[in-house]
C-alpha atoms as a PDB file:
ATOM      1  CA  MET A   1     -50.055  28.450 -32.352  1.00  0.00           C
ATOM      2  CA  GLU A   2     -49.830  27.236 -28.767  1.00  0.00           C
ATOM      3  CA  ASN A   3     -46.356  27.300 -27.191  1.00  0.00           C
ATOM      4  CA  ALA A   4     -44.748  23.854 -26.799  1.00  0.00           C
ATOM      5  CA  PHE A   5     -44.037  24.707 -23.166  1.00  0.00           C
ATOM      6  CA  SER A   6     -47.620  25.734 -22.482  1.00  0.00           C
ATOM      7  CA  PRO A   7     -48.690  26.159 -18.871  1.00  0.00           C
ATOM      8  CA  TRP A   8     -51.331  23.522 -19.796  1.00  0.00           C
ATOM      9  CA  PHE A   9     -48.546  20.997 -19.139  1.00  0.00           C
ATOM     10  CA  GLY A  10     -47.637  22.809 -15.955  1.00  0.00           C
ATOM     11  CA  TYR A  11     -44.096  23.254 -17.311  1.00  0.00           C
ATOM     12  CA  GLY A  12     -43.553  26.640 -18.905  1.00  0.00           C
ATOM     13  CA  PRO A  13     -40.289  28.325 -19.999  1.00  0.00           C
ATOM     14  CA  GLU A  14     -39.891  29.870 -16.572  1.00  0.00           C
ATOM     15  CA  ASN A  15     -39.820  26.357 -15.041  1.00  0.00           C
ATOM     16  CA  VAL A  16     -37.117  25.234 -17.456  1.00  0.00           C
ATOM     17  CA  ALA A  17     -35.018  28.284 -16.708  1.00  0.00           C
ATOM     18  CA  GLU A  18     -35.488  27.795 -12.980  1.00  0.00           C
ATOM     19  CA  GLU A  19     -34.468  24.137 -13.113  1.00  0.00           C
ATOM     20  CA  ASN A  20     -31.472  24.808 -15.350  1.00  0.00           C
ATOM     21  CA  GLY A  21     -30.381  27.678 -13.186  1.00  0.00           C
ATOM     22  CA  GLY A  22     -30.710  25.573 -10.074  1.00  0.00           C
ATOM     23  CA  ARG A  23     -28.882  22.624 -11.572  1.00  0.00           C
ATOM     24  CA  PHE A  24     -26.066  24.659 -13.098  1.00  0.00           C
ATOM     25  CA  GLY A  25     -25.875  26.697  -9.933  1.00  0.00           C
ATOM     26  CA  ARG A  26     -25.217  23.577  -7.951  1.00  0.00           C
ATOM     27  CA  GLN A  27     -22.539  22.508 -10.423  1.00  0.00           C
ATOM     28  CA  SER A  28     -20.829  25.852 -10.118  1.00  0.00           C
ATOM     29  CA  GLN A  29     -20.441  25.176  -6.401  1.00  0.00           C
ATOM     30  CA  GLY A  30     -18.057  22.301  -7.160  1.00  0.00           C
ATOM     31  CA  ARG A  31     -20.621  19.511  -7.551  1.00  0.00           C
ATOM     32  CA  ASP A  32     -21.747  17.450 -10.524  1.00  0.00           C
ATOM     33  CA  SER A  33     -25.327  16.470 -11.466  1.00  0.00           C
ATOM     34  CA  ARG A  34     -25.208  13.539  -9.019  1.00  0.00           C
ATOM     35  CA  GLY A  35     -24.272  15.769  -6.117  1.00  0.00           C
ATOM     36  CA  ASN A  36     -20.715  14.465  -5.843  1.00  0.00           C
ATOM     37  CA  SER A  37     -18.130  17.035  -4.874  1.00  0.00           C
ATOM     38  CA  ALA A  38     -15.092  17.667  -7.052  1.00  0.00           C
ATOM     39  CA  LYS A  39     -12.932  16.633  -4.094  1.00  0.00           C
ATOM     40  CA  THR A  40     -14.657  13.244  -3.907  1.00  0.00           C
ATOM     41  CA  LYS A  41     -14.077  12.644  -7.621  1.00  0.00           C
ATOM     42  CA  GLU A  42     -10.426  13.575  -7.193  1.00  0.00           C
ATOM     43  CA  GLU A  43     -10.076  11.079  -4.320  1.00  0.00           C
ATOM     44  CA  GLU A  44     -11.793   8.359  -6.353  1.00  0.00           C
ATOM     45  CA  GLU A  45      -9.364   8.976  -9.207  1.00  0.00           C
ATOM     46  CA  ARG A  46      -6.414   8.805  -6.800  1.00  0.00           C
ATOM     47  CA  ILE A  47      -7.646   5.469  -5.431  1.00  0.00           C
ATOM     48  CA  LYS A  48      -8.086   4.120  -8.961  1.00  0.00           C
ATOM     49  CA  GLU A  49      -4.628   5.223 -10.123  1.00  0.00           C
ATOM     50  CA  ASN A  50      -2.440   4.834  -7.015  1.00  0.00           C
ATOM     51  CA  GLY A  51      -4.504   3.020  -4.368  1.00  0.00           C
ATOM     52  CA  GLN A  52      -4.003   5.926  -1.960  1.00  0.00           C
ATOM     53  CA  LEU A  53      -6.456   7.812   0.235  1.00  0.00           C
ATOM     54  CA  THR A  54      -6.473  10.161   3.228  1.00  0.00           C
ATOM     55  CA  LEU A  55      -8.584   8.909   6.146  1.00  0.00           C
ATOM     56  CA  GLY A  56      -9.845  10.757   9.218  1.00  0.00           C
ATOM     57  CA  GLY A  57     -11.900  13.868   9.837  1.00  0.00           C
ATOM     58  CA  SER A  58     -12.591  16.546  12.406  1.00  0.00           C
ATOM     59  CA  LYS A  59     -12.720  14.109  15.347  1.00  0.00           C
ATOM     60  CA  LYS A  60      -9.606  12.147  14.440  1.00  0.00           C
ATOM     61  CA  GLY A  61      -6.279  13.051  12.897  1.00  0.00           C
ATOM     62  CA  LYS A  62      -5.673  12.482   9.210  1.00  0.00           C
ATOM     63  CA  ILE A  63      -4.200   9.119   8.228  1.00  0.00           C
ATOM     64  CA  HIS A  64      -2.691   8.427   4.816  1.00  0.00           C
ATOM     65  CA  LEU A  65      -3.680   5.036   3.394  1.00  0.00           C
ATOM     66  CA  LEU A  66      -1.143   3.388   1.091  1.00  0.00           C
ATOM     67  CA  SER A  67      -1.864   0.165  -0.831  1.00  0.00           C
ATOM     68  CA  ILE A  68       0.909  -2.132  -2.055  1.00  0.00           C
ATOM     69  CA  ILE A  69      -0.898  -4.504  -4.383  1.00  0.00           C
ATOM     70  CA  GLY A  70       0.087  -7.021  -7.065  1.00  0.00           C
ATOM     71  CA  GLU A  71       3.676  -6.927  -8.306  1.00  0.00           C
ATOM     72  CA  ILE A  72       6.119  -4.170  -7.377  1.00  0.00           C
ATOM     73  CA  GLU A  73       7.173  -2.657 -10.674  1.00  0.00           C
ATOM     74  CA  GLY A  74      10.837  -1.869 -11.157  1.00  0.00           C
ATOM     75  CA  HIS A  75      12.766   0.155 -13.702  1.00  0.00           C
ATOM     76  CA  GLU A  76      10.894  -1.480 -16.571  1.00  0.00           C
ATOM     77  CA  ASN A  77       7.128  -1.439 -17.184  1.00  0.00           C
ATOM     78  CA  LEU A  78       5.302  -4.734 -16.751  1.00  0.00           C
ATOM     79  CA  SER A  79       2.567  -5.949 -19.096  1.00  0.00           C
ATOM     80  CA  GLY A  80      -0.761  -4.136 -19.099  1.00  0.00           C
ATOM     81  CA  SER A  81      -2.561  -7.225 -17.737  1.00  0.00           C
ATOM     82  CA  THR A  82      -0.439  -7.316 -14.551  1.00  0.00           C
ATOM     83  CA  LYS A  83      -1.608  -5.495 -11.430  1.00  0.00           C
ATOM     84  CA  THR A  84       1.342  -3.449 -10.233  1.00  0.00           C
ATOM     85  CA  THR A  85       2.496  -1.005  -7.588  1.00  0.00           C
ATOM     86  CA  LYS A  86       4.580   1.731  -9.209  1.00  0.00           C
ATOM     87  CA  TYR A  87       7.266   2.852  -6.803  1.00  0.00           C
ATOM     88  CA  GLU A  88       7.826   6.120  -8.690  1.00  0.00           C
ATOM     89  CA  HIS A  89       4.278   7.121  -7.650  1.00  0.00           C
ATOM     90  CA  ILE A  90       4.720   6.197  -3.996  1.00  0.00           C
ATOM     91  CA  LEU A  91       8.120   7.759  -3.240  1.00  0.00           C
ATOM     92  CA  PRO A  92       7.048  11.373  -3.964  1.00  0.00           C
ATOM     93  CA  LYS A  93       3.797  10.818  -2.078  1.00  0.00           C
ATOM     94  CA  LEU A  94       5.641   9.596   1.011  1.00  0.00           C
ATOM     95  CA  ALA A  95       7.867  12.679   0.844  1.00  0.00           C
ATOM     96  CA  GLU A  96       4.733  14.820   0.689  1.00  0.00           C
ATOM     97  CA  VAL A  97       3.228  12.943   3.662  1.00  0.00           C
ATOM     98  CA  GLU A  98       6.390  13.530   5.700  1.00  0.00           C
ATOM     99  CA  ASP A  99       6.188  17.258   4.936  1.00  0.00           C
ATOM    100  CA  ASP A 100       2.441  17.562   5.624  1.00  0.00           C
ATOM    101  CA  LYS A 101       1.767  18.660   9.219  1.00  0.00           C
ATOM    102  CA  GLU A 102      -1.910  17.664   9.017  1.00  0.00           C
ATOM    103  CA  ILE A 103      -1.195  13.968   8.343  1.00  0.00           C
ATOM    104  CA  GLU A 104      -0.475  12.160  11.608  1.00  0.00           C
ATOM    105  CA  GLY A 105       0.228   8.614  10.444  1.00  0.00           C
ATOM    106  CA  VAL A 106       0.470   6.131   7.565  1.00  0.00           C
ATOM    107  CA  LEU A 107      -1.421   2.848   7.180  1.00  0.00           C
ATOM    108  CA  VAL A 108       0.052   0.401   4.638  1.00  0.00           C
ATOM    109  CA  LEU A 109      -2.151  -2.362   3.201  1.00  0.00           C
ATOM    110  CA  ILE A 110      -0.100  -5.179   1.660  1.00  0.00           C
ATOM    111  CA  ASN A 111      -1.138  -7.911  -0.750  1.00  0.00           C
ATOM    112  CA  THR A 112       1.843  -8.479  -3.029  1.00  0.00           C
ATOM    113  CA  VAL A 113       3.625 -11.362  -4.724  1.00  0.00           C
ATOM    114  CA  GLY A 114       6.900  -9.412  -4.598  1.00  0.00           C
ATOM    115  CA  GLY A 115       8.713  -7.863  -7.511  1.00  0.00           C
ATOM    116  CA  ASP A 116      11.801  -5.755  -8.139  1.00  0.00           C
ATOM    117  CA  VAL A 117      14.227  -6.094  -5.202  1.00  0.00           C
ATOM    118  CA  SER A 118      15.914  -2.723  -5.601  1.00  0.00           C
ATOM    119  CA  CYS A 119      12.661  -0.762  -5.854  1.00  0.00           C
ATOM    120  CA  GLY A 120      10.998  -2.775  -3.088  1.00  0.00           C
ATOM    121  CA  LEU A 121      13.877  -2.053  -0.726  1.00  0.00           C
ATOM    122  CA  ALA A 122      13.754   1.636  -1.696  1.00  0.00           C
ATOM    123  CA  LEU A 123      10.094   1.745  -0.657  1.00  0.00           C
ATOM    124  CA  ALA A 124      10.859  -0.112   2.578  1.00  0.00           C
ATOM    125  CA  GLU A 125      13.686   2.298   3.465  1.00  0.00           C
ATOM    126  CA  MET A 126      11.422   5.267   2.722  1.00  0.00           C
ATOM    127  CA  LEU A 127       8.700   3.904   5.004  1.00  0.00           C
ATOM    128  CA  ALA A 128      11.186   3.140   7.770  1.00  0.00           C
ATOM    129  CA  SER A 129      12.595   6.685   7.657  1.00  0.00           C
ATOM    130  CA  LEU A 130       9.240   8.466   8.131  1.00  0.00           C
ATOM    131  CA  SER A 131       8.897  10.431  11.358  1.00  0.00           C
ATOM    132  CA  LYS A 132       5.102   9.854  11.371  1.00  0.00           C
ATOM    133  CA  PRO A 133       3.735   6.707  13.092  1.00  0.00           C
ATOM    134  CA  THR A 134       3.341   3.850  10.597  1.00  0.00           C
ATOM    135  CA  VAL A 135       1.385   0.586  10.709  1.00  0.00           C
ATOM    136  CA  SER A 136       1.282  -2.211   8.121  1.00  0.00           C
ATOM    137  CA  LEU A 137      -1.462  -4.781   7.556  1.00  0.00           C
ATOM    138  CA  VAL A 138      -0.832  -7.916   5.487  1.00  0.00           C
ATOM    139  CA  ILE A 139      -4.314  -8.660   4.137  1.00  0.00           C
ATOM    140  CA  GLY A 140      -3.410 -11.417   1.674  1.00  0.00           C
ATOM    141  CA  ASP A 141       0.153 -12.182   0.657  1.00  0.00           C
ATOM    142  CA  SER A 142       3.438 -10.504   1.488  1.00  0.00           C
ATOM    143  CA  HIS A 143       5.852 -12.575  -0.535  1.00  0.00           C
ATOM    144  CA  SER A 144       9.507 -12.081  -1.364  1.00  0.00           C
ATOM    145  CA  ILE A 145      10.379  -8.350  -1.262  1.00  0.00           C
ATOM    146  CA  GLY A 146       6.977  -7.827   0.356  1.00  0.00           C
ATOM    147  CA  VAL A 147       8.517  -9.084   3.623  1.00  0.00           C
ATOM    148  CA  PRO A 148      10.779  -6.007   4.099  1.00  0.00           C
ATOM    149  CA  LEU A 149       7.798  -3.777   3.279  1.00  0.00           C
ATOM    150  CA  ALA A 150       5.666  -5.451   5.954  1.00  0.00           C
ATOM    151  CA  VAL A 151       8.296  -5.008   8.680  1.00  0.00           C
ATOM    152  CA  ALA A 152       9.382  -1.485   7.643  1.00  0.00           C
ATOM    153  CA  THR A 153       6.618   0.141   9.706  1.00  0.00           C
ATOM    154  CA  ASP A 154       6.608   0.883  13.438  1.00  0.00           C
ATOM    155  CA  TYR A 155       4.009  -1.827  14.087  1.00  0.00           C
ATOM    156  CA  SER A 156       2.706  -4.657  11.902  1.00  0.00           C
ATOM    157  CA  PHE A 157      -0.413  -6.829  11.643  1.00  0.00           C
ATOM    158  CA  ILE A 158      -1.348  -9.854   9.578  1.00  0.00           C
ATOM    159  CA  VAL A 159      -4.818 -11.323   9.061  1.00  0.00           C
ATOM    160  CA  PRO A 160      -5.275 -14.965  10.199  1.00  0.00           C
ATOM    161  CA  THR A 161      -5.152 -16.285   6.605  1.00  0.00           C
ATOM    162  CA  GLY A 162      -2.401 -13.950   5.378  1.00  0.00           C
ATOM    163  CA  THR A 163       0.871 -15.459   4.166  1.00  0.00           C
ATOM    164  CA  MET A 164       4.505 -14.400   4.041  1.00  0.00           C
ATOM    165  CA  MET A 165       6.984 -16.204   1.770  1.00  0.00           C
ATOM    166  CA  ILE A 166      10.713 -16.025   2.428  1.00  0.00           C
ATOM    167  CA  HIS A 167      12.992 -17.357  -0.312  1.00  0.00           C
ATOM    168  CA  PRO A 168      16.424 -16.682  -1.856  1.00  0.00           C
ATOM    169  CA  VAL A 169      16.932 -13.945  -4.446  1.00  0.00           C
ATOM    170  CA  ARG A 170      15.950 -14.814  -8.010  1.00  0.00           C
ATOM    171  CA  MET A 171      17.136 -13.194 -11.218  1.00  0.00           C
ATOM    172  CA  ASN A 172      15.543 -13.052 -14.665  1.00  0.00           C
ATOM    173  CA  GLY A 173      17.427 -12.907 -17.941  1.00  0.00           C
ATOM    174  CA  MET A 174      20.984 -13.935 -18.721  1.00  0.00           C
ATOM    175  CA  VAL A 175      23.121 -15.126 -15.811  1.00  0.00           C
ATOM    176  CA  ILE A 176      26.892 -15.412 -16.192  1.00  0.00           C
ATOM    177  CA  GLY A 177      28.293 -18.553 -14.562  1.00  0.00           C
ATOM    178  CA  ALA A 178      31.064 -16.918 -12.564  1.00  0.00           C
ATOM    179  CA  VAL A 179      32.044 -16.467  -8.927  1.00  0.00           C
ATOM    180  CA  GLN A 180      31.274 -12.757  -9.191  1.00  0.00           C
ATOM    181  CA  THR A 181      27.644 -13.552 -10.040  1.00  0.00           C
ATOM    182  CA  TYR A 182      27.253 -15.615  -6.880  1.00  0.00           C
ATOM    183  CA  ASP A 183      28.884 -12.868  -4.826  1.00  0.00           C
ATOM    184  CA  TYR A 184      26.422 -10.358  -6.261  1.00  0.00           C
ATOM    185  CA  PHE A 185      23.487 -12.608  -5.343  1.00  0.00           C
ATOM    186  CA  GLU A 186      24.915 -12.951  -1.842  1.00  0.00           C
ATOM    187  CA  MET A 187      25.236  -9.177  -1.495  1.00  0.00           C
ATOM    188  CA  ILE A 188      21.596  -8.575  -2.495  1.00  0.00           C
ATOM    189  CA  GLN A 189      20.468 -11.316  -0.134  1.00  0.00           C
ATOM    190  CA  ASN A 190      22.435  -9.794   2.750  1.00  0.00           C
ATOM    191  CA  ARG A 191      20.776  -6.430   2.148  1.00  0.00           C
ATOM    192  CA  ILE A 192      17.350  -8.051   2.529  1.00  0.00           C
ATOM    193  CA  LEU A 193      18.312 -10.157   5.546  1.00  0.00           C
ATOM    194  CA  SER A 194      19.896  -7.183   7.306  1.00  0.00           C
ATOM    195  CA  PHE A 195      16.903  -4.923   6.743  1.00  0.00           C
ATOM    196  CA  VAL A 196      14.312  -7.469   7.882  1.00  0.00           C
ATOM    197  CA  SER A 197      16.264  -8.567  10.970  1.00  0.00           C
ATOM    198  CA  SER A 198      16.890  -4.953  12.016  1.00  0.00           C
ATOM    199  CA  HIS A 199      13.207  -3.979  11.707  1.00  0.00           C
ATOM    200  CA  SER A 200      11.635  -7.035  13.329  1.00  0.00           C
ATOM    201  CA  GLY A 201      12.253  -9.460  16.172  1.00  0.00           C
ATOM    202  CA  ILE A 202      13.731 -12.285  14.090  1.00  0.00           C
ATOM    203  CA  THR A 203      17.482 -12.848  14.069  1.00  0.00           C
ATOM    204  CA  TYR A 204      19.630 -12.681  10.928  1.00  0.00           C
ATOM    205  CA  GLU A 205      20.694 -16.323  11.294  1.00  0.00           C
ATOM    206  CA  HIS A 206      17.182 -17.719  11.789  1.00  0.00           C
ATOM    207  CA  LEU A 207      15.825 -15.687   8.887  1.00  0.00           C
ATOM    208  CA  LYS A 208      18.565 -17.114   6.675  1.00  0.00           C
ATOM    209  CA  GLU A 209      17.573 -20.632   7.774  1.00  0.00           C
ATOM    210  CA  LEU A 210      13.959 -19.974   6.779  1.00  0.00           C
ATOM    211  CA  MET A 211      15.139 -18.571   3.449  1.00  0.00           C
ATOM    212  CA  HIS A 212      17.115 -21.730   2.599  1.00  0.00           C
ATOM    213  CA  ASN A 213      14.616 -24.238   3.944  1.00  0.00           C
ATOM    214  CA  THR A 214      14.454 -27.319   1.652  1.00  0.00           C
ATOM    215  CA  LYS A 215      11.589 -29.156   3.376  1.00  0.00           C
ATOM    216  CA  MET A 216       8.539 -27.028   2.482  1.00  0.00           C
ATOM    217  CA  LEU A 217       8.491 -25.908  -1.165  1.00  0.00           C
ATOM    218  CA  THR A 218       8.722 -28.562  -3.897  1.00  0.00           C
ATOM    219  CA  LYS A 219      10.147 -26.356  -6.648  1.00  0.00           C
ATOM    220  CA  ASP A 220      12.032 -23.782  -4.625  1.00  0.00           C
ATOM    221  CA  LEU A 221      13.877 -23.074  -1.403  1.00  0.00           C
ATOM    222  CA  GLY A 222      12.161 -21.107   1.313  1.00  0.00           C
ATOM    223  CA  THR A 223       9.384 -20.954   3.898  1.00  0.00           C
ATOM    224  CA  VAL A 224       5.734 -19.890   3.863  1.00  0.00           C
ATOM    225  CA  LEU A 225       4.379 -18.474   7.119  1.00  0.00           C
ATOM    226  CA  VAL A 226       0.606 -18.217   7.639  1.00  0.00           C
ATOM    227  CA  GLY A 227      -0.967 -15.734  10.043  1.00  0.00           C
ATOM    228  CA  LYS A 228       0.045 -16.579  13.604  1.00  0.00           C
ATOM    229  CA  ASP A 229       3.202 -18.384  12.361  1.00  0.00           C
ATOM    230  CA  ALA A 230       4.582 -15.034  11.180  1.00  0.00           C
ATOM    231  CA  VAL A 231       3.938 -13.657  14.675  1.00  0.00           C
ATOM    232  CA  LYS A 232       5.503 -16.728  16.281  1.00  0.00           C
ATOM    233  CA  GLU A 233       8.651 -16.236  14.180  1.00  0.00           C
ATOM    234  CA  LYS A 234       8.714 -12.553  15.322  1.00  0.00           C
ATOM    235  CA  LEU A 235       8.406 -11.167  11.813  1.00  0.00           C
ATOM    236  CA  ILE A 236       5.015  -9.555  12.529  1.00  0.00           C
ATOM    237  CA  ASN A 237       3.858  -7.997  15.793  1.00  0.00           C
ATOM    238  CA  GLU A 238       0.255  -9.165  15.943  1.00  0.00           C
ATOM    239  CA  VAL A 239      -2.604 -11.013  14.215  1.00  0.00           C
ATOM    240  CA  GLY A 240      -5.435  -8.618  13.385  1.00  0.00           C
ATOM    241  CA  GLY A 241      -7.428  -6.798  10.753  1.00  0.00           C
ATOM    242  CA  ILE A 242      -8.270  -3.262   9.697  1.00  0.00           C
ATOM    243  CA  ARG A 243     -10.019  -2.497  13.006  1.00  0.00           C
ATOM    244  CA  GLU A 244      -6.950  -3.344  15.064  1.00  0.00           C
ATOM    245  CA  ALA A 245      -4.555  -1.660  12.623  1.00  0.00           C
ATOM    246  CA  LEU A 246      -6.428   1.654  12.578  1.00  0.00           C
ATOM    247  CA  SER A 247      -6.959   1.597  16.345  1.00  0.00           C
ATOM    248  CA  LYS A 248      -3.233   1.046  16.911  1.00  0.00           C
ATOM    249  CA  LEU A 249      -2.273   3.806  14.492  1.00  0.00           C
ATOM    250  CA  TYR A 250      -4.599   6.372  16.116  1.00  0.00           C
ATOM    251  CA  GLU A 251      -3.238   5.312  19.498  1.00  0.00           C
ATOM    252  CA  MET A 252       0.349   5.881  18.333  1.00  0.00           C
ATOM    253  CA  ALA A 253      -0.582   9.212  16.748  1.00  0.00           C
ATOM    254  CA  ASP A 254      -2.248  10.397  19.971  1.00  0.00           C
ATOM    255  CA  ALA A 255       0.788   9.345  22.026  1.00  0.00           C
ATOM    256  CA  LYS A 256       3.059  11.448  19.810  1.00  0.00           C
ATOM    257  CA  LYS A 257       1.049  14.662  20.238  1.00  0.00           C
END
């Protein structure tokens, strides 16, 4: 009986073995059947899970990209349908970046509606304490506790249509109607005002005025600044996009060498 892999088909057993050997040989070199390296798959997984990536190559220094997207999750998990930034993932990574001699700078992309004040301030303090050059880019919204995160870097950008919302501290859950509760709110608010005013060009007093503005929002106190208005108020350094942000960061990294 004629072999199923007869040379009549031009595809004998030796061809199968050769193809399998070649394909599996390529896989054994750290690549899958599509030719993607294991490193690339690892980076894709890191982007999917944490929104983080290392940029740069042989011609330029390595830059760590950090995304702060959606709502900043605090000490309790938010619902599965909410896009969140988990601060417990970012803090160890920033410590690793600080300790890594190959990474020369950090680029922070921000599009957040705010979130947990304590955890947001912890992230902002961590960013501000890095010895590596840092640049932030507000690409959509930087609301509430997103404001300290935007100004925590050495230099900041905002796209022309980006917005920043400044408003008083809010609290969920039960609130006790006592003087001590108001004092606690005031203390949290002062922490935010002090951090933002010390890491940007705006004064403490003017920032507090914007926070308690009653003429803009119908259901809340506060102020929304769009693009160049955030620069005019000296919260953000410059209007620009990813091109300007990366160029500035490489420039700062080169100056530090």
